[in-house]
Amino acid sequence: MKKFSSSRWVKKQEIKNIRRTIFFAILSLILIFFLFYFGPSILIKLSIFLGNFRSSSFPPEVEDKVPPAAPELLPFPEATSSAYINLHGFAEAGAKIEIFINGVSQKNTVADNNGGFIVNNIEITEGKNEIYALATDDAGNTSQPSEKIIVTLDKTPPSLNILQPEDKATFYGSSRAVEIKGEAEEEAIVTVNDHLATMEAGGKFRYSSTLSPGVNNFKIVATDKAGNQTEKELILFLE
């Protein structure tokens, strides 16, 4: 019984295949007929019809004319002694970031998926450097400039003078107190043996200490905003 059912199924499939073959043969004859009587123009009209149908089904993409937001540069020290700096910031994700110094393009990078970017080893020149950034998206729209930051390249060590006491001065008696006074570049920081001195107007400083019998060594260091340092040594004796 199973063998008989299987045989009937095979015959049905053969009949379907024969009908399918006949159908495609008739369809081919119809196409040949149209080509013979109407020529290639029928194919052109068919192509136009399909093109219009595709256009109506898939409308063109809207052109992006909106510029990205201005990038943001993270704060940077206002002075440095290094001629090469690294800048960090944020912008539209995937945007091209271009760095300008004093109006001249220097370097570029691309913001990551979170909008963060880093531009390393940007060369600056002696004196003030006005820095800003522009962002350009994939459609070619360019942002407004970022807020400008000013970075001063300063390689000159600060001035430092010790006014009193004189180097290699000798103190006598039971009084061990001594006050070191001097002057340095304005806004510089002065340390004496790694302790902060008291800064006054005009870059003047003072520092109080207690002498020990024998030789007393003091290392006095002035550090400016760019990180440049000037160091002097003061030796005092107590007998």
C-alpha atoms as a PDB file:
ATOM      1  CA  MET A   1       0.000   0.000   0.000  1.00  0.00           C
ATOM      2  CA  LYS A   2       2.842   2.390   0.850  1.00  0.00           C
ATOM      3  CA  LYS A   3       4.566   1.510  -2.415  1.00  0.00           C
ATOM      4  CA  PHE A   4       1.398   2.331  -4.359  1.00  0.00           C
ATOM      5  CA  SER A   5       1.021   5.746  -2.604  1.00  0.00           C
ATOM      6  CA  SER A   6       4.620   6.589  -3.343  1.00  0.00           C
ATOM      7  CA  SER A   7       4.154   5.757  -7.018  1.00  0.00           C
ATOM      8  CA  ARG A   8       1.119   8.064  -7.276  1.00  0.00           C
ATOM      9  CA  TRP A   9       3.077  10.928  -5.676  1.00  0.00           C
ATOM     10  CA  VAL A  10       5.872  10.488  -8.246  1.00  0.00           C
ATOM     11  CA  LYS A  11       3.395  10.613 -11.103  1.00  0.00           C
ATOM     12  CA  LYS A  12       1.817  13.806  -9.750  1.00  0.00           C
ATOM     13  CA  GLN A  13       5.249  15.449  -9.555  1.00  0.00           C
ATOM     14  CA  GLU A  14       5.997  14.426 -13.144  1.00  0.00           C
ATOM     15  CA  ILE A  15       2.698  15.962 -14.287  1.00  0.00           C
ATOM     16  CA  LYS A  16       3.492  19.213 -12.425  1.00  0.00           C
ATOM     17  CA  ASN A  17       6.921  19.373 -14.020  1.00  0.00           C
ATOM     18  CA  ILE A  18       5.454  18.842 -17.486  1.00  0.00           C
ATOM     19  CA  ARG A  19       2.887  21.592 -16.911  1.00  0.00           C
ATOM     20  CA  ARG A  20       5.606  23.958 -15.627  1.00  0.00           C
ATOM     21  CA  THR A  21       7.737  23.287 -18.707  1.00  0.00           C
ATOM     22  CA  ILE A  22       4.779  23.961 -20.996  1.00  0.00           C
ATOM     23  CA  PHE A  23       3.969  27.204 -19.122  1.00  0.00           C
ATOM     24  CA  PHE A  24       7.478  28.614 -19.506  1.00  0.00           C
ATOM     25  CA  ALA A  25       7.562  27.571 -23.128  1.00  0.00           C
ATOM     26  CA  ILE A  26       4.320  29.464 -23.826  1.00  0.00           C
ATOM     27  CA  LEU A  27       5.629  32.496 -21.878  1.00  0.00           C
ATOM     28  CA  SER A  28       8.795  32.477 -23.983  1.00  0.00           C
ATOM     29  CA  LEU A  29       6.745  32.418 -27.164  1.00  0.00           C
ATOM     30  CA  ILE A  30       4.672  35.376 -25.941  1.00  0.00           C
ATOM     31  CA  LEU A  31       7.821  37.400 -25.206  1.00  0.00           C
ATOM     32  CA  ILE A  32       9.237  36.578 -28.633  1.00  0.00           C
ATOM     33  CA  PHE A  33       5.944  37.682 -30.168  1.00  0.00           C
ATOM     34  CA  PHE A  34       6.037  41.047 -28.362  1.00  0.00           C
ATOM     35  CA  LEU A  35       9.667  41.629 -29.311  1.00  0.00           C
ATOM     36  CA  PHE A  36       8.919  40.780 -32.951  1.00  0.00           C
ATOM     37  CA  TYR A  37       5.920  43.119 -33.298  1.00  0.00           C
ATOM     38  CA  PHE A  38       6.798  45.948 -30.871  1.00  0.00           C
ATOM     39  CA  GLY A  39      10.597  45.880 -31.015  1.00  0.00           C
ATOM     40  CA  PRO A  40      13.011  46.872 -28.229  1.00  0.00           C
ATOM     41  CA  SER A  41      10.764  49.814 -27.241  1.00  0.00           C
ATOM     42  CA  ILE A  42       8.667  47.496 -25.103  1.00  0.00           C
ATOM     43  CA  LEU A  43      11.772  46.626 -23.085  1.00  0.00           C
ATOM     44  CA  ILE A  44      12.643  50.320 -22.625  1.00  0.00           C
ATOM     45  CA  LYS A  45       9.114  51.074 -21.393  1.00  0.00           C
ATOM     46  CA  LEU A  46       9.317  48.150 -19.029  1.00  0.00           C
ATOM     47  CA  SER A  47      12.639  49.423 -17.652  1.00  0.00           C
ATOM     48  CA  ILE A  48      11.183  52.931 -17.145  1.00  0.00           C
ATOM     49  CA  PHE A  49       8.184  51.465 -15.378  1.00  0.00           C
ATOM     50  CA  LEU A  50      10.383  49.454 -13.033  1.00  0.00           C
ATOM     51  CA  GLY A  51      12.597  52.497 -12.383  1.00  0.00           C
ATOM     52  CA  ASN A  52       9.615  54.691 -11.484  1.00  0.00           C
ATOM     53  CA  PHE A  53       8.245  52.005  -9.247  1.00  0.00           C
ATOM     54  CA  ARG A  54      11.591  51.728  -7.432  1.00  0.00           C
ATOM     55  CA  SER A  55      11.850  55.521  -7.010  1.00  0.00           C
ATOM     56  CA  SER A  56       8.371  55.791  -5.550  1.00  0.00           C
ATOM     57  CA  SER A  57       9.021  52.902  -3.208  1.00  0.00           C
ATOM     58  CA  PHE A  58      12.405  54.199  -2.016  1.00  0.00           C
ATOM     59  CA  PRO A  59      12.403  58.017  -1.733  1.00  0.00           C
ATOM     60  CA  PRO A  60      15.837  59.750  -1.968  1.00  0.00           C
ATOM     61  CA  GLU A  61      17.751  60.448   1.217  1.00  0.00           C
ATOM     62  CA  VAL A  62      17.385  63.937   2.689  1.00  0.00           C
ATOM     63  CA  GLU A  63      20.599  65.944   2.311  1.00  0.00           C
ATOM     64  CA  ASP A  64      22.280  66.774   5.625  1.00  0.00           C
ATOM     65  CA  LYS A  65      22.958  70.500   5.813  1.00  0.00           C
ATOM     66  CA  VAL A  66      23.076  70.868   9.593  1.00  0.00           C
ATOM     67  CA  PRO A  67      26.611  71.615  10.871  1.00  0.00           C
ATOM     68  CA  PRO A  68      27.843  69.806  13.982  1.00  0.00           C
ATOM     69  CA  ALA A  69      28.134  71.602  17.303  1.00  0.00           C
ATOM     70  CA  ALA A  70      31.368  73.431  17.977  1.00  0.00           C
ATOM     71  CA  PRO A  71      33.954  71.113  19.546  1.00  0.00           C
ATOM     72  CA  GLU A  72      35.084  71.620  23.118  1.00  0.00           C
ATOM     73  CA  LEU A  73      38.746  71.713  24.115  1.00  0.00           C
ATOM     74  CA  LEU A  74      39.502  70.653  27.658  1.00  0.00           C
ATOM     75  CA  PRO A  75      41.379  73.162  29.854  1.00  0.00           C
ATOM     76  CA  PHE A  76      45.156  73.296  29.436  1.00  0.00           C
ATOM     77  CA  PRO A  77      47.830  75.044  31.556  1.00  0.00           C
ATOM     78  CA  GLU A  78      48.256  78.622  30.381  1.00  0.00           C
ATOM     79  CA  ALA A  79      52.044  78.232  30.183  1.00  0.00           C
ATOM     80  CA  THR A  80      54.418  75.388  29.386  1.00  0.00           C
ATOM     81  CA  SER A  81      58.112  74.861  28.785  1.00  0.00           C
ATOM     82  CA  SER A  82      57.500  72.102  26.210  1.00  0.00           C
ATOM     83  CA  ALA A  83      57.283  72.919  22.497  1.00  0.00           C
ATOM     84  CA  TYR A  84      54.910  69.959  21.975  1.00  0.00           C
ATOM     85  CA  ILE A  85      51.554  69.603  23.691  1.00  0.00           C
ATOM     86  CA  ASN A  86      48.642  67.133  23.688  1.00  0.00           C
ATOM     87  CA  LEU A  87      45.057  68.370  23.462  1.00  0.00           C
ATOM     88  CA  HIS A  88      41.896  66.548  24.586  1.00  0.00           C
ATOM     89  CA  GLY A  89      38.303  67.416  23.811  1.00  0.00           C
ATOM     90  CA  PHE A  90      34.787  66.418  22.786  1.00  0.00           C
ATOM     91  CA  ALA A  91      32.792  66.799  19.555  1.00  0.00           C
ATOM     92  CA  GLU A  92      30.147  65.035  17.451  1.00  0.00           C
ATOM     93  CA  ALA A  93      30.948  61.317  17.222  1.00  0.00           C
ATOM     94  CA  GLY A  94      32.812  60.469  14.035  1.00  0.00           C
ATOM     95  CA  ALA A  95      33.481  64.108  13.115  1.00  0.00           C
ATOM     96  CA  LYS A  96      36.842  65.183  11.719  1.00  0.00           C
ATOM     97  CA  ILE A  97      38.604  67.495  14.173  1.00  0.00           C
ATOM     98  CA  GLU A  98      41.062  70.097  12.893  1.00  0.00           C
ATOM     99  CA  ILE A  99      43.341  72.042  15.245  1.00  0.00           C
ATOM    100  CA  PHE A 100      44.366  75.612  14.444  1.00  0.00           C
ATOM    101  CA  ILE A 101      47.156  77.615  16.096  1.00  0.00           C
ATOM    102  CA  ASN A 102      47.241  81.342  15.462  1.00  0.00           C
ATOM    103  CA  GLY A 103      44.862  80.773  12.542  1.00  0.00           C
ATOM    104  CA  VAL A 104      46.983  78.101  10.821  1.00  0.00           C
ATOM    105  CA  SER A 105      45.834  74.466  10.526  1.00  0.00           C
ATOM    106  CA  GLN A 106      48.218  72.144  12.375  1.00  0.00           C
ATOM    107  CA  LYS A 107      46.810  68.650  12.884  1.00  0.00           C
ATOM    108  CA  ASN A 108      43.577  66.682  12.619  1.00  0.00           C
ATOM    109  CA  THR A 109      41.996  63.562  14.035  1.00  0.00           C
ATOM    110  CA  VAL A 110      38.566  61.877  14.215  1.00  0.00           C
ATOM    111  CA  ALA A 111      36.280  61.866  17.260  1.00  0.00           C
ATOM    112  CA  ASP A 112      35.547  58.373  18.574  1.00  0.00           C
ATOM    113  CA  ASN A 113      32.100  56.795  19.040  1.00  0.00           C
ATOM    114  CA  ASN A 114      31.675  58.684  22.310  1.00  0.00           C
ATOM    115  CA  GLY A 115      32.758  61.987  20.792  1.00  0.00           C
ATOM    116  CA  GLY A 116      36.117  62.105  22.572  1.00  0.00           C
ATOM    117  CA  PHE A 117      39.314  62.977  20.748  1.00  0.00           C
ATOM    118  CA  ILE A 118      43.036  63.418  21.437  1.00  0.00           C
ATOM    119  CA  VAL A 119      45.545  65.269  19.276  1.00  0.00           C
ATOM    120  CA  ASN A 120      49.118  64.495  20.277  1.00  0.00           C
ATOM    121  CA  ASN A 121      52.421  66.276  19.687  1.00  0.00           C
ATOM    122  CA  ILE A 122      51.094  69.615  18.495  1.00  0.00           C
ATOM    123  CA  GLU A 123      54.007  71.980  17.997  1.00  0.00           C
ATOM    124  CA  ILE A 124      53.692  75.472  19.461  1.00  0.00           C
ATOM    125  CA  THR A 125      55.983  78.467  19.136  1.00  0.00           C
ATOM    126  CA  GLU A 126      57.688  80.722  21.665  1.00  0.00           C
ATOM    127  CA  GLY A 127      55.267  83.192  23.208  1.00  0.00           C
ATOM    128  CA  LYS A 128      51.470  83.096  23.105  1.00  0.00           C
ATOM    129  CA  ASN A 129      49.659  80.475  21.028  1.00  0.00           C
ATOM    130  CA  GLU A 130      45.941  80.967  20.285  1.00  0.00           C
ATOM    131  CA  ILE A 131      44.395  77.531  19.780  1.00  0.00           C
ATOM    132  CA  TYR A 132      40.936  76.506  18.565  1.00  0.00           C
ATOM    133  CA  ALA A 133      39.297  73.537  16.815  1.00  0.00           C
ATOM    134  CA  LEU A 134      36.744  72.932  14.042  1.00  0.00           C
ATOM    135  CA  ALA A 135      34.566  69.839  13.531  1.00  0.00           C
ATOM    136  CA  THR A 136      33.439  68.575  10.094  1.00  0.00           C
ATOM    137  CA  ASP A 137      30.804  65.819   9.750  1.00  0.00           C
ATOM    138  CA  ASP A 138      30.526  63.116   7.068  1.00  0.00           C
ATOM    139  CA  ALA A 139      28.284  65.363   4.941  1.00  0.00           C
ATOM    140  CA  GLY A 140      30.990  68.044   4.811  1.00  0.00           C
ATOM    141  CA  ASN A 141      29.281  70.474   7.203  1.00  0.00           C
ATOM    142  CA  THR A 142      31.740  72.451   9.339  1.00  0.00           C
ATOM    143  CA  SER A 143      31.054  73.690  12.860  1.00  0.00           C
ATOM    144  CA  GLN A 144      31.707  77.054  14.422  1.00  0.00           C
ATOM    145  CA  PRO A 145      35.159  77.371  16.055  1.00  0.00           C
ATOM    146  CA  SER A 146      35.589  76.083  19.581  1.00  0.00           C
ATOM    147  CA  GLU A 147      36.327  78.490  22.382  1.00  0.00           C
ATOM    148  CA  LYS A 148      39.942  79.607  22.070  1.00  0.00           C
ATOM    149  CA  ILE A 149      42.564  78.705  24.620  1.00  0.00           C
ATOM    150  CA  ILE A 150      45.832  80.586  25.041  1.00  0.00           C
ATOM    151  CA  VAL A 151      48.999  78.605  25.758  1.00  0.00           C
ATOM    152  CA  THR A 152      52.299  80.406  26.275  1.00  0.00           C
ATOM    153  CA  LEU A 153      55.543  78.627  25.463  1.00  0.00           C
ATOM    154  CA  ASP A 154      58.158  79.875  27.931  1.00  0.00           C
ATOM    155  CA  LYS A 155      61.584  78.258  28.096  1.00  0.00           C
ATOM    156  CA  THR A 156      63.283  81.007  30.090  1.00  0.00           C
ATOM    157  CA  PRO A 157      64.103  80.166  33.738  1.00  0.00           C
ATOM    158  CA  PRO A 158      62.720  82.663  36.255  1.00  0.00           C
ATOM    159  CA  SER A 159      64.904  85.250  37.967  1.00  0.00           C
ATOM    160  CA  LEU A 160      65.964  84.531  41.556  1.00  0.00           C
ATOM    161  CA  ASN A 161      68.028  86.722  43.885  1.00  0.00           C
ATOM    162  CA  ILE A 162      68.848  86.187  47.564  1.00  0.00           C
ATOM    163  CA  LEU A 163      68.942  89.549  49.323  1.00  0.00           C
ATOM    164  CA  GLN A 164      69.808  88.420  52.841  1.00  0.00           C
ATOM    165  CA  PRO A 165      71.704  86.950  54.512  1.00  0.00           C
ATOM    166  CA  GLU A 166      74.893  86.813  52.472  1.00  0.00           C
ATOM    167  CA  ASP A 167      76.126  83.448  51.297  1.00  0.00           C
ATOM    168  CA  LYS A 168      78.606  81.817  53.709  1.00  0.00           C
ATOM    169  CA  ALA A 169      77.710  84.276  56.486  1.00  0.00           C
ATOM    170  CA  THR A 170      78.586  83.232  60.044  1.00  0.00           C
ATOM    171  CA  PHE A 171      76.255  83.689  63.010  1.00  0.00           C
ATOM    172  CA  TYR A 172      77.352  83.764  66.640  1.00  0.00           C
ATOM    173  CA  GLY A 173      75.679  83.448  69.988  1.00  0.00           C
ATOM    174  CA  SER A 174      72.682  81.603  71.272  1.00  0.00           C
ATOM    175  CA  SER A 175      70.208  83.077  68.775  1.00  0.00           C
ATOM    176  CA  ARG A 176      69.616  80.512  66.058  1.00  0.00           C
ATOM    177  CA  ALA A 177      66.740  82.202  64.207  1.00  0.00           C
ATOM    178  CA  VAL A 178      67.442  83.415  60.676  1.00  0.00           C
ATOM    179  CA  GLU A 179      65.199  84.940  58.028  1.00  0.00           C
ATOM    180  CA  ILE A 180      66.034  84.441  54.370  1.00  0.00           C
ATOM    181  CA  LYS A 181      64.753  87.167  52.056  1.00  0.00           C
ATOM    182  CA  GLY A 182      64.899  87.577  48.302  1.00  0.00           C
ATOM    183  CA  GLU A 183      63.016  88.279  45.125  1.00  0.00           C
ATOM    184  CA  ALA A 184      61.988  86.194  42.117  1.00  0.00           C
ATOM    185  CA  GLU A 185      59.937  86.497  38.941  1.00  0.00           C
ATOM    186  CA  GLU A 186      56.413  87.647  39.664  1.00  0.00           C
ATOM    187  CA  GLU A 187      53.917  84.797  40.077  1.00  0.00           C
ATOM    188  CA  ALA A 188      56.770  82.322  40.562  1.00  0.00           C
ATOM    189  CA  ILE A 189      56.691  79.880  43.475  1.00  0.00           C
ATOM    190  CA  VAL A 190      59.725  79.790  45.768  1.00  0.00           C
ATOM    191  CA  THR A 191      60.699  76.879  48.015  1.00  0.00           C
ATOM    192  CA  VAL A 192      63.463  76.663  50.588  1.00  0.00           C
ATOM    193  CA  ASN A 193      64.603  73.092  51.256  1.00  0.00           C
ATOM    194  CA  ASP A 194      61.315  71.955  49.666  1.00  0.00           C
ATOM    195  CA  HIS A 195      59.220  74.159  51.986  1.00  0.00           C
ATOM    196  CA  LEU A 196      57.102  76.976  50.549  1.00  0.00           C
ATOM    197  CA  ALA A 197      58.371  80.471  51.182  1.00  0.00           C
ATOM    198  CA  THR A 198      55.989  83.340  51.911  1.00  0.00           C
ATOM    199  CA  MET A 199      55.393  85.293  48.690  1.00  0.00           C
ATOM    200  CA  GLU A 200      54.799  89.052  48.714  1.00  0.00           C
ATOM    201  CA  ALA A 201      54.043  91.724  46.138  1.00  0.00           C
ATOM    202  CA  GLY A 202      56.513  92.176  43.304  1.00  0.00           C
ATOM    203  CA  GLY A 203      57.877  88.643  43.556  1.00  0.00           C
ATOM    204  CA  LYS A 204      59.527  89.197  46.941  1.00  0.00           C
ATOM    205  CA  PHE A 205      59.701  86.278  49.351  1.00  0.00           C
ATOM    206  CA  ARG A 206      60.829  85.456  52.865  1.00  0.00           C
ATOM    207  CA  TYR A 207      61.452  82.295  54.832  1.00  0.00           C
ATOM    208  CA  SER A 208      62.251  81.806  58.524  1.00  0.00           C
ATOM    209  CA  SER A 209      64.446  78.974  59.774  1.00  0.00           C
ATOM    210  CA  THR A 210      66.477  77.857  62.756  1.00  0.00           C
ATOM    211  CA  LEU A 211      70.206  77.271  62.393  1.00  0.00           C
ATOM    212  CA  SER A 212      72.046  74.292  63.767  1.00  0.00           C
ATOM    213  CA  PRO A 213      75.636  74.502  65.018  1.00  0.00           C
ATOM    214  CA  GLY A 214      78.092  74.166  62.197  1.00  0.00           C
ATOM    215  CA  VAL A 215      77.207  74.252  58.485  1.00  0.00           C
ATOM    216  CA  ASN A 216      73.612  74.912  57.345  1.00  0.00           C
ATOM    217  CA  ASN A 217      72.725  74.332  53.690  1.00  0.00           C
ATOM    218  CA  PHE A 218      69.665  75.861  52.057  1.00  0.00           C
ATOM    219  CA  LYS A 219      68.434  74.992  48.561  1.00  0.00           C
ATOM    220  CA  ILE A 220      66.271  77.783  47.189  1.00  0.00           C
ATOM    221  CA  VAL A 221      64.230  77.091  44.039  1.00  0.00           C
ATOM    222  CA  ALA A 222      62.006  79.418  42.009  1.00  0.00           C
ATOM    223  CA  THR A 223      59.464  77.778  39.649  1.00  0.00           C
ATOM    224  CA  ASP A 224      57.479  79.792  37.095  1.00  0.00           C
ATOM    225  CA  LYS A 225      54.056  78.989  35.598  1.00  0.00           C
ATOM    226  CA  ALA A 226      55.650  77.139  32.669  1.00  0.00           C
ATOM    227  CA  GLY A 227      57.569  74.830  35.005  1.00  0.00           C
ATOM    228  CA  ASN A 228      60.987  76.404  34.413  1.00  0.00           C
ATOM    229  CA  GLN A 229      63.183  76.448  37.486  1.00  0.00           C
ATOM    230  CA  THR A 230      66.106  78.424  38.853  1.00  0.00           C
ATOM    231  CA  GLU A 231      68.008  76.993  41.800  1.00  0.00           C
ATOM    232  CA  LYS A 232      70.471  78.645  44.161  1.00  0.00           C
ATOM    233  CA  GLU A 233      72.337  77.428  47.235  1.00  0.00           C
ATOM    234  CA  LEU A 234      72.844  79.367  50.434  1.00  0.00           C
ATOM    235  CA  ILE A 235      75.364  78.230  53.068  1.00  0.00           C
ATOM    236  CA  LEU A 236      75.272  79.667  56.588  1.00  0.00           C
ATOM    237  CA  PHE A 237      77.455  78.900  59.617  1.00  0.00           C
ATOM    238  CA  LEU A 238      76.556  78.952  63.274  1.00  0.00           C
ATOM    239  CA  GLU A 239      79.319  79.073  65.902  1.00  0.00           C
END
